């Protein structure tokens, strides 16, 4: 029996996402959002990677082009993984496979890794499939005095097919004009469509949205992605689910979701967040390797 199919309930899986992704069927998700662990911490080793077109390559990209990765010299750098990109690259390959033909990937990273990810995604998806670099700007937390304080994250947006992808910015929540006196009263009241720079606060430490999960992202940021790149009834996927923000937003907007995380704390947070309330759909919680349904 397959772990998941589109006619089942929403699904939350407690597992290493590598166990789960290859069990999901091709082209199943209109939108994929992932917020992988940022690359900070211990000094580790890293392989520089070169991706080239090859008839014998194991990966198939846009228009059926095949690619292979060649590992170059080893470099030392600060990282929480022995080789961060050996960890993330196969998961991004799976994201490409799992996207619907009109689907969109949102990859959320910080300034340390976004440029590496851009090169890798250009190879995996094709440069023509790059849609946007979204800059999420916030203003909270400690400030350094030895450099310009870092107060933004980067979200890279890629589509499966640049001629077919779904995008509807008219469904996106509007934001206030920064200079409302320069537009008509009607426009000021309606608000303006967001650009590729999103000014949005982090999750308030005292707000009702707060779950206590350290890396929780605000619902308002993910709402824009879900509204623009999916429709009611579509399936969305987050395989670094954390506190389950994508699932919470998907429920509010009548989308359906699959969430995966290996952290038991994340699963406990999602159980509390996604089960109660009149606007929540049925959710199955599964733990691997036994794949036993623990909540139905």
Protein backbone atom coordinates (compact mmCIF):
# COMPACT_ATOMS: atom_id res chain seq x y z
CA UNK A 1 0.00 0.00 0.00
CA UNK A 2 1.33 3.42 -0.94
CA UNK A 3 2.10 5.83 1.87
CA UNK A 4 0.04 8.54 0.16
CA UNK A 5 -2.33 9.10 -2.72
CA UNK A 6 -4.32 12.18 -3.77
CA UNK A 7 -7.63 10.67 -2.63
CA UNK A 8 -6.47 10.34 0.99
CA UNK A 9 -6.60 12.82 3.86
CA UNK A 10 -3.93 15.39 4.55
CA UNK A 11 -0.77 13.68 5.74
CA UNK A 12 1.97 14.44 8.27
CA UNK A 13 4.89 11.99 8.29
CA UNK A 14 7.45 11.61 11.06
CA UNK A 15 10.52 10.39 9.18
CA UNK A 16 13.70 11.36 7.39
CA UNK A 17 12.28 12.91 4.24
CA UNK A 18 14.59 10.75 2.11
CA UNK A 19 12.46 7.78 3.23
CA UNK A 20 9.27 9.46 2.11
CA UNK A 21 9.96 11.36 -1.09
CA UNK A 22 10.66 8.41 -3.37
CA UNK A 23 7.35 6.82 -2.30
CA UNK A 24 5.31 9.78 -3.55
CA UNK A 25 4.00 9.70 -7.13
CA UNK A 26 5.38 11.91 -9.90
CA UNK A 27 3.87 15.33 -10.60
CA UNK A 28 1.54 15.27 -7.60
CA UNK A 29 1.98 18.74 -6.11
CA UNK A 30 1.01 22.14 -7.51
CA UNK A 31 3.35 23.85 -5.07
CA UNK A 32 6.32 22.78 -2.94
CA UNK A 33 7.75 24.96 -0.20
CA UNK A 34 10.85 23.92 1.71
CA UNK A 35 12.75 25.69 4.45
CA UNK A 36 15.75 23.38 5.03
CA UNK A 37 18.16 23.81 7.93
CA UNK A 38 20.39 26.79 7.31
CA UNK A 39 24.04 26.07 6.88
CA UNK A 40 25.67 27.33 10.07
CA UNK A 41 27.69 25.88 12.91
CA UNK A 42 30.54 23.41 12.89
CA UNK A 43 33.59 23.40 10.65
CA UNK A 44 33.15 20.54 8.22
CA UNK A 45 34.34 19.51 4.77
CA UNK A 46 32.62 20.42 1.57
CA UNK A 47 32.99 19.16 -1.98
CA UNK A 48 32.73 21.73 -4.73
CA UNK A 49 30.20 20.45 -7.26
CA UNK A 50 30.16 20.89 -11.01
CA UNK A 51 26.97 19.96 -12.84
CA UNK A 52 27.28 19.25 -16.57
CA UNK A 53 25.05 17.94 -19.30
CA UNK A 54 25.67 14.28 -20.06
CA UNK A 55 23.80 11.69 -22.08
CA UNK A 56 24.54 9.20 -19.28
CA UNK A 57 23.52 11.57 -16.45
CA UNK A 58 21.26 10.27 -13.69
CA UNK A 59 19.12 13.42 -13.52
CA UNK A 60 16.64 14.59 -16.14
CA UNK A 61 15.92 18.31 -16.32
CA UNK A 62 13.81 20.57 -18.51
CA UNK A 63 13.16 19.34 -22.06
CA UNK A 64 14.60 15.94 -21.10
CA UNK A 65 18.19 17.17 -20.77
CA UNK A 66 20.31 14.81 -18.67
CA UNK A 67 22.86 15.99 -16.11
CA UNK A 68 25.56 14.52 -13.92
CA UNK A 69 27.45 15.98 -10.98
CA UNK A 70 31.24 15.93 -10.79
CA UNK A 71 32.85 16.44 -7.39
CA UNK A 72 35.90 18.65 -7.32
CA UNK A 73 38.39 19.59 -4.63
CA UNK A 74 37.40 19.59 -0.98
CA UNK A 75 37.02 22.94 0.75
CA UNK A 76 36.74 23.71 4.45
CA UNK A 77 33.83 25.85 5.56
CA UNK A 78 31.37 26.34 8.40
CA UNK A 79 28.48 23.93 8.22
CA UNK A 80 26.13 21.82 10.28
CA UNK A 81 26.47 18.91 7.82
CA UNK A 82 29.47 16.93 6.59
CA UNK A 83 28.48 18.00 3.10
CA UNK A 84 25.42 20.21 3.04
CA UNK A 85 24.88 20.01 -0.67
CA UNK A 86 25.25 16.25 -0.83
CA UNK A 87 22.42 16.30 1.71
CA UNK A 88 20.20 18.82 -0.08
CA UNK A 89 20.82 18.11 -3.77
CA UNK A 90 19.02 14.73 -4.00
CA UNK A 91 16.06 16.21 -2.14
CA UNK A 92 15.83 19.03 -4.67
CA UNK A 93 15.93 16.45 -7.45
CA UNK A 94 12.92 14.79 -5.84
CA UNK A 95 11.17 18.15 -5.59
CA UNK A 96 11.51 18.54 -9.37
CA UNK A 97 10.04 15.08 -9.93
CA UNK A 98 7.13 15.66 -7.56
CA UNK A 99 6.07 19.01 -9.00
CA UNK A 100 3.11 19.06 -11.36
CA UNK A 101 3.87 20.29 -14.87
CA UNK A 102 2.39 23.68 -13.91
CA UNK A 103 3.91 23.58 -10.42
CA UNK A 104 6.20 25.92 -8.50
CA UNK A 105 9.01 25.37 -5.99
CA UNK A 106 9.78 27.90 -3.24
CA UNK A 107 13.17 27.28 -1.60
CA UNK A 108 13.70 29.35 1.56
CA UNK A 109 17.34 29.98 2.55
CA UNK A 110 19.45 32.67 4.15
CA UNK A 111 22.26 34.74 2.66
CA UNK A 112 24.92 32.08 3.35
CA UNK A 113 23.58 29.52 0.87
CA UNK A 114 21.19 31.18 -1.57
CA UNK A 115 23.84 31.77 -4.25
CA UNK A 116 24.95 28.12 -4.16
CA UNK A 117 21.32 27.03 -4.39
CA UNK A 118 20.71 29.26 -7.41
CA UNK A 119 23.51 27.58 -9.36
CA UNK A 120 22.31 24.11 -8.39
CA UNK A 121 18.65 24.82 -9.23
CA UNK A 122 19.64 26.32 -12.58
CA UNK A 123 21.23 22.96 -13.38
CA UNK A 124 18.38 20.84 -12.02
CA UNK A 125 15.45 22.84 -13.42
CA UNK A 126 17.05 24.85 -16.23
CA UNK A 127 17.84 28.57 -16.05
CA UNK A 128 14.69 29.33 -18.02
CA UNK A 129 12.66 27.90 -15.13
CA UNK A 130 13.90 30.50 -12.65
CA UNK A 131 10.95 32.74 -11.84
CA UNK A 132 11.93 34.99 -8.94
CA UNK A 133 14.30 35.74 -6.11
CA UNK A 134 12.05 36.92 -3.28
CA UNK A 135 13.65 38.90 -0.48
CA UNK A 136 11.76 38.61 2.82
CA UNK A 137 12.72 41.59 4.97
CA UNK A 138 12.03 41.76 8.71
CA UNK A 139 13.15 44.05 11.51
CA UNK A 140 13.49 42.22 14.79
CA UNK A 141 16.21 40.78 17.01
CA UNK A 142 19.79 41.64 17.84
CA UNK A 143 21.85 44.05 15.76
CA UNK A 144 25.57 43.94 15.12
CA UNK A 145 27.67 47.07 15.09
CA UNK A 146 30.55 45.56 13.12
CA UNK A 147 28.69 45.23 9.78
CA UNK A 148 25.34 45.99 8.20
CA UNK A 149 22.82 43.99 10.27
CA UNK A 150 21.40 41.02 8.37
CA UNK A 151 17.60 41.27 8.37
CA UNK A 152 16.41 39.30 5.39
CA UNK A 153 15.99 35.78 3.99
CA UNK A 154 16.03 34.71 0.35
CA UNK A 155 13.32 32.59 -1.29
CA UNK A 156 14.21 31.18 -4.71
CA UNK A 157 11.24 30.44 -6.96
CA UNK A 158 11.46 27.90 -9.78
CA UNK A 159 8.74 26.46 -12.02
CA UNK A 160 8.58 23.03 -13.63
CA UNK A 161 7.74 24.43 -17.06
CA UNK A 162 8.13 28.15 -17.85
CA UNK A 163 5.32 27.95 -20.42
CA UNK A 164 2.72 26.21 -18.23
CA UNK A 165 3.16 27.30 -14.64
CA UNK A 166 0.20 28.54 -12.60
CA UNK A 167 0.47 32.02 -11.11
CA UNK A 168 -2.38 34.29 -9.99
CA UNK A 169 -1.23 37.38 -8.15
CA UNK A 170 -4.79 38.75 -8.01
CA UNK A 171 -5.49 36.19 -5.28
CA UNK A 172 -2.63 37.44 -3.11
CA UNK A 173 -3.33 39.55 -0.02
CA UNK A 174 -2.49 43.15 -0.82
CA UNK A 175 -0.27 45.39 1.27
CA UNK A 176 -0.39 49.11 2.12
CA UNK A 177 1.25 51.62 -0.18
CA UNK A 178 4.40 53.08 1.36
CA UNK A 179 3.34 56.51 0.08
CA UNK A 180 -0.48 56.36 -0.04
CA UNK A 181 -0.71 60.09 -0.73
CA UNK A 182 0.80 59.52 -4.18
CA UNK A 183 -2.04 57.29 -5.39
CA UNK A 184 -5.80 57.73 -5.59
CA UNK A 185 -7.90 57.11 -2.47
CA UNK A 186 -9.40 54.06 -4.19
CA UNK A 187 -5.98 52.54 -4.81
CA UNK A 188 -4.83 53.37 -1.31
CA UNK A 189 -7.87 51.62 0.17
CA UNK A 190 -7.38 48.54 -2.04
CA UNK A 191 -3.65 48.27 -1.38
CA UNK A 192 -0.93 47.25 -3.80
CA UNK A 193 0.22 43.88 -5.01
CA UNK A 194 3.47 42.69 -3.43
CA UNK A 195 6.68 42.84 -5.45
CA UNK A 196 9.67 40.53 -5.01
CA UNK A 197 10.60 42.34 -1.78
CA UNK A 198 8.30 41.31 1.07
CA UNK A 199 8.25 43.41 4.24
CA UNK A 200 6.75 41.18 6.92
CA UNK A 201 7.51 40.84 10.60
CA UNK A 202 8.69 37.57 12.10
CA UNK A 203 6.30 35.53 14.27
CA UNK A 204 5.62 37.61 17.37
CA UNK A 205 7.01 36.02 20.56
CA UNK A 206 3.74 36.96 22.30
CA UNK A 207 1.27 36.57 19.41
CA UNK A 208 -1.40 33.88 19.07
CA UNK A 209 0.37 32.44 16.02
CA UNK A 210 3.42 31.51 18.10
CA UNK A 211 3.89 27.76 18.62
CA UNK A 212 7.20 27.88 20.47
CA UNK A 213 9.05 26.15 17.62
CA UNK A 214 12.36 27.91 17.14
CA UNK A 215 12.38 28.27 13.35
CA UNK A 216 8.67 28.95 12.84
CA UNK A 217 7.89 31.11 9.81
CA UNK A 218 4.96 33.57 9.73
CA UNK A 219 1.75 32.49 8.07
CA UNK A 220 1.52 35.78 6.16
CA UNK A 221 4.68 34.98 4.18
CA UNK A 222 3.50 31.51 3.16
CA UNK A 223 -0.03 32.72 2.40
CA UNK A 224 1.32 34.74 -0.52
CA UNK A 225 3.01 31.70 -2.02
CA UNK A 226 -0.02 29.43 -1.61
CA UNK A 227 -2.44 32.06 -2.92
CA UNK A 228 -0.35 32.82 -6.01
CA UNK A 229 0.82 29.32 -6.97
CA UNK A 230 -2.10 27.01 -6.16
CA UNK A 231 -5.89 26.80 -6.26
CA UNK A 232 -8.49 25.40 -3.88
CA UNK A 233 -8.24 21.62 -3.75
CA UNK A 234 -4.60 21.50 -4.92
CA UNK A 235 -1.99 19.48 -3.05
CA UNK A 236 1.02 21.27 -1.56
CA UNK A 237 4.14 19.73 0.00
CA UNK A 238 6.70 20.72 2.63
CA UNK A 239 9.28 18.05 3.49
CA UNK A 240 11.13 20.18 6.05
CA UNK A 241 7.85 21.02 7.74
CA UNK A 242 9.02 22.27 11.14
CA UNK A 243 6.08 23.83 12.95
CA UNK A 244 3.70 23.06 10.07
CA UNK A 245 3.06 26.60 8.84
CA UNK A 246 2.39 25.43 5.28
CA UNK A 247 -0.24 22.99 6.57
CA UNK A 248 -1.90 25.68 8.69
CA UNK A 249 -2.06 28.07 5.72
CA UNK A 250 -3.21 25.34 3.33
CA UNK A 251 -6.09 24.47 5.67
CA UNK A 252 -7.20 28.09 5.84
CA UNK A 253 -7.10 28.42 2.05
CA UNK A 254 -8.77 25.06 1.26
CA UNK A 255 -5.64 23.42 -0.12
CA UNK A 256 -4.52 19.90 0.81
CA UNK A 257 -1.09 19.09 2.18
CA UNK A 258 1.65 16.56 2.85
CA UNK A 259 4.18 17.52 5.53
CA UNK A 260 7.34 15.62 6.52
CA UNK A 261 9.76 16.19 9.39
CA UNK A 262 12.23 14.03 11.30
CA UNK A 263 12.11 16.05 14.53
CA UNK A 264 9.75 14.62 17.20
CA UNK A 265 9.27 18.13 18.60
CA UNK A 266 8.03 19.33 15.22
CA UNK A 267 5.52 16.48 15.04
CA UNK A 268 4.15 17.31 18.49
CA UNK A 269 3.77 20.98 17.52
CA UNK A 270 1.94 20.00 14.32
CA UNK A 271 -0.43 17.70 16.20
CA UNK A 272 -1.54 20.61 18.36
CA UNK A 273 -1.63 23.08 15.50
CA UNK A 274 -3.31 21.13 12.73
CA UNK A 275 -5.90 18.95 14.47
CA UNK A 276 -8.14 21.32 16.47
CA UNK A 277 -10.45 23.97 15.05
CA UNK A 278 -13.46 24.06 12.69
CA UNK A 279 -11.38 24.99 9.64
CA UNK A 280 -9.02 22.01 9.84
CA UNK A 281 -9.35 19.12 7.42
CA UNK A 282 -8.85 15.52 8.43
CA UNK A 283 -5.16 14.84 9.03
CA UNK A 284 -3.34 11.51 9.25
CA UNK A 285 -0.13 11.33 11.26
CA UNK A 286 2.21 8.51 10.24
CA UNK A 287 5.52 7.45 11.75
CA UNK A 288 8.13 5.55 9.72
CA UNK A 289 9.70 3.03 9.35
CA UNK A 290 6.62 1.17 10.60
CA UNK A 291 4.26 3.58 8.76
CA UNK A 292 1.79 3.04 11.54
CA UNK A 293 -1.03 5.54 11.61
CA UNK A 294 -0.90 7.13 15.05
CA UNK A 295 -3.70 9.66 14.57
CA UNK A 296 -6.48 9.41 12.00
